[in-house]
Structures are given as C-alpha cells and as structure tokens.
Amino acid sequence: MSYPPAPSNIGKRGLAKAASGKRIYFAIEDEIHIPQSGRPDKLIYLQRLKFESDGRVELRLGYYVIGEKPAARARWVWGRFATMFPAHDFRSIIRRAERKGWLS
C-alpha cells in the first residue's frame, strides 16, 4: 500500500493548556520522524518546541497513523494517546536528535 508523504510541522504554532486553564503557545522549531518498525502506517515523531512566553525549549514525542474513519481515511492523523514502539526505534530517533545537537 502506498501512503501519503509524511507531514511536516516545522514553523507551525501549537497550543498547550496548563492545569490552570492558561493557554501556552509554542512554535515547532524542528522535528525528526521515522516509520515504526513493522508498521509502515505509523510514524514516530520527536519535535523540538520553543515556547513563546519565556523562550524555553522542550521536546515532544508523538506519532501519526493512517486514519481509518471515513473523515480521515488514507491520510496521516496525529495520535491522541501515549505511543508504544520498539526500543530500537527509540534508540534510532534519539541518535538523530543527538546528531542535531538537541540533547546537549
């Protein structure tokens, strides 16, 4: 099966909500993605986020899957739950982050 190109979120603005309800905005500065081993319909993403309020940088681990419901069928959809994936995939994405200098 052929899948659409992997989504790119670099430069996009995101929103997180604090427990207090306060809105916290961030920009996605960079991202790394790899297909999950044995699951070509799932992409693991590590994103480098910069928060607008104070300039701090944090990392976000997430994933995309190919949608199955009619409104999202055959397109990449951001995962809503904690992801699970093989340890060697985790090592691979961490190595890429180290090469980019994200973990120094």
Protein backbone atom coordinates (compact mmCIF):
# COMPACT_ATOMS: atom_id res chain seq x y z
CA MET A 1 0.00 0.00 0.00
CA SER A 2 1.19 3.50 -0.82
CA TYR A 3 1.00 6.20 1.86
CA PRO A 4 0.95 9.99 1.50
CA PRO A 5 4.14 11.94 2.26
CA ALA A 6 4.99 12.40 5.94
CA PRO A 7 3.54 15.60 7.40
CA SER A 8 5.90 18.49 8.20
CA ASN A 9 5.03 20.75 11.12
CA ILE A 10 8.20 22.85 11.19
CA GLY A 11 7.34 26.51 11.69
CA LYS A 12 3.78 25.80 12.81
CA ARG A 13 2.34 27.24 16.01
CA GLY A 14 0.85 25.00 18.67
CA LEU A 15 -1.19 25.40 21.82
CA ALA A 16 -0.96 23.63 25.16
CA LYS A 17 -3.24 24.20 28.11
CA ALA A 18 -1.87 24.35 31.63
CA ALA A 19 -3.76 22.73 34.51
CA SER A 20 -4.93 26.24 35.43
CA GLY A 21 -6.55 26.60 32.01
CA LYS A 22 -3.96 29.13 30.81
CA ARG A 23 -3.11 28.87 27.11
CA ILE A 24 0.56 28.35 26.35
CA TYR A 25 1.73 28.83 22.76
CA PHE A 26 4.79 27.32 21.16
CA ALA A 27 6.42 27.02 17.75
CA ILE A 28 7.67 23.76 16.30
CA GLU A 29 11.29 24.60 15.51
CA ASP A 30 12.33 21.23 14.11
CA GLU A 31 11.24 17.61 14.03
CA ILE A 32 12.55 14.13 13.36
CA HIS A 33 10.37 11.27 12.21
CA ILE A 34 10.85 7.60 11.45
CA PRO A 35 8.42 4.87 10.44
CA GLN A 36 7.80 2.39 13.23
CA SER A 37 9.45 -0.97 12.57
CA GLY A 38 6.93 -3.37 11.08
CA ARG A 39 4.23 -0.65 10.94
CA PRO A 40 4.57 1.47 7.80
CA ASP A 41 1.21 3.05 8.69
CA LYS A 42 2.72 4.70 11.83
CA LEU A 43 5.34 7.46 12.02
CA ILE A 44 7.12 8.28 15.29
CA TYR A 45 7.91 12.00 15.71
CA LEU A 46 10.25 13.84 18.05
CA GLN A 47 9.64 17.59 17.89
CA ARG A 48 11.68 20.49 19.23
CA LEU A 49 9.31 23.13 20.64
CA LYS A 50 10.05 26.73 21.62
CA PHE A 51 7.59 28.40 23.97
CA GLU A 52 6.56 31.96 23.17
CA SER A 53 6.09 33.10 26.77
CA ASP A 54 9.62 32.51 28.03
CA GLY A 55 11.67 31.08 25.15
CA ARG A 56 12.28 27.72 26.81
CA VAL A 57 12.85 24.71 24.56
CA GLU A 58 11.27 21.31 25.18
CA LEU A 59 10.87 18.08 23.23
CA ARG A 60 7.60 16.33 22.38
CA LEU A 61 7.29 12.68 21.40
CA GLY A 62 4.25 11.79 19.32
CA TYR A 63 3.05 9.86 16.33
CA TYR A 64 0.93 9.88 13.19
CA VAL A 65 -1.12 6.94 11.94
CA ILE A 66 -3.08 6.43 8.75
CA GLY A 67 -6.70 7.23 9.55
CA GLU A 68 -9.36 4.58 9.26
CA LYS A 69 -12.57 6.54 9.94
CA PRO A 70 -14.33 7.95 6.87
CA ALA A 71 -13.35 11.60 7.51
CA ALA A 72 -9.66 10.71 7.91
CA ARG A 73 -9.33 7.62 5.73
CA ALA A 74 -5.97 7.26 3.93
CA ARG A 75 -4.38 10.37 5.46
CA TRP A 76 -1.96 10.93 8.34
CA VAL A 77 -3.69 11.72 11.65
CA TRP A 78 -1.86 12.89 14.81
CA GLY A 79 -2.11 10.29 17.59
CA ARG A 80 -4.15 11.16 20.66
CA PHE A 81 -2.72 8.68 23.12
CA ALA A 82 0.67 7.70 24.53
CA THR A 83 2.61 5.82 21.88
CA MET A 84 4.27 2.44 22.23
CA PHE A 85 7.06 1.29 19.91
CA PRO A 86 10.15 -0.95 19.85
CA ALA A 87 13.24 0.07 21.82
CA HIS A 88 15.45 0.04 18.71
CA ASP A 89 13.17 2.67 17.11
CA PHE A 90 13.56 4.80 20.23
CA ARG A 91 17.36 4.48 20.04
CA SER A 92 17.24 5.47 16.37
CA ILE A 93 15.23 8.65 16.96
CA ILE A 94 17.41 9.60 19.98
CA ARG A 95 20.59 9.15 17.90
CA ARG A 96 19.18 11.51 15.28
CA ALA A 97 18.35 14.07 17.98
CA GLU A 98 21.91 13.80 19.33
CA ARG A 99 23.36 14.39 15.84
CA LYS A 100 21.23 17.55 15.57
CA GLY A 101 22.53 18.78 18.95
CA TRP A 102 19.13 18.69 20.65
CA LEU A 103 20.34 16.76 23.70
CA SER A 104 23.41 18.79 24.65
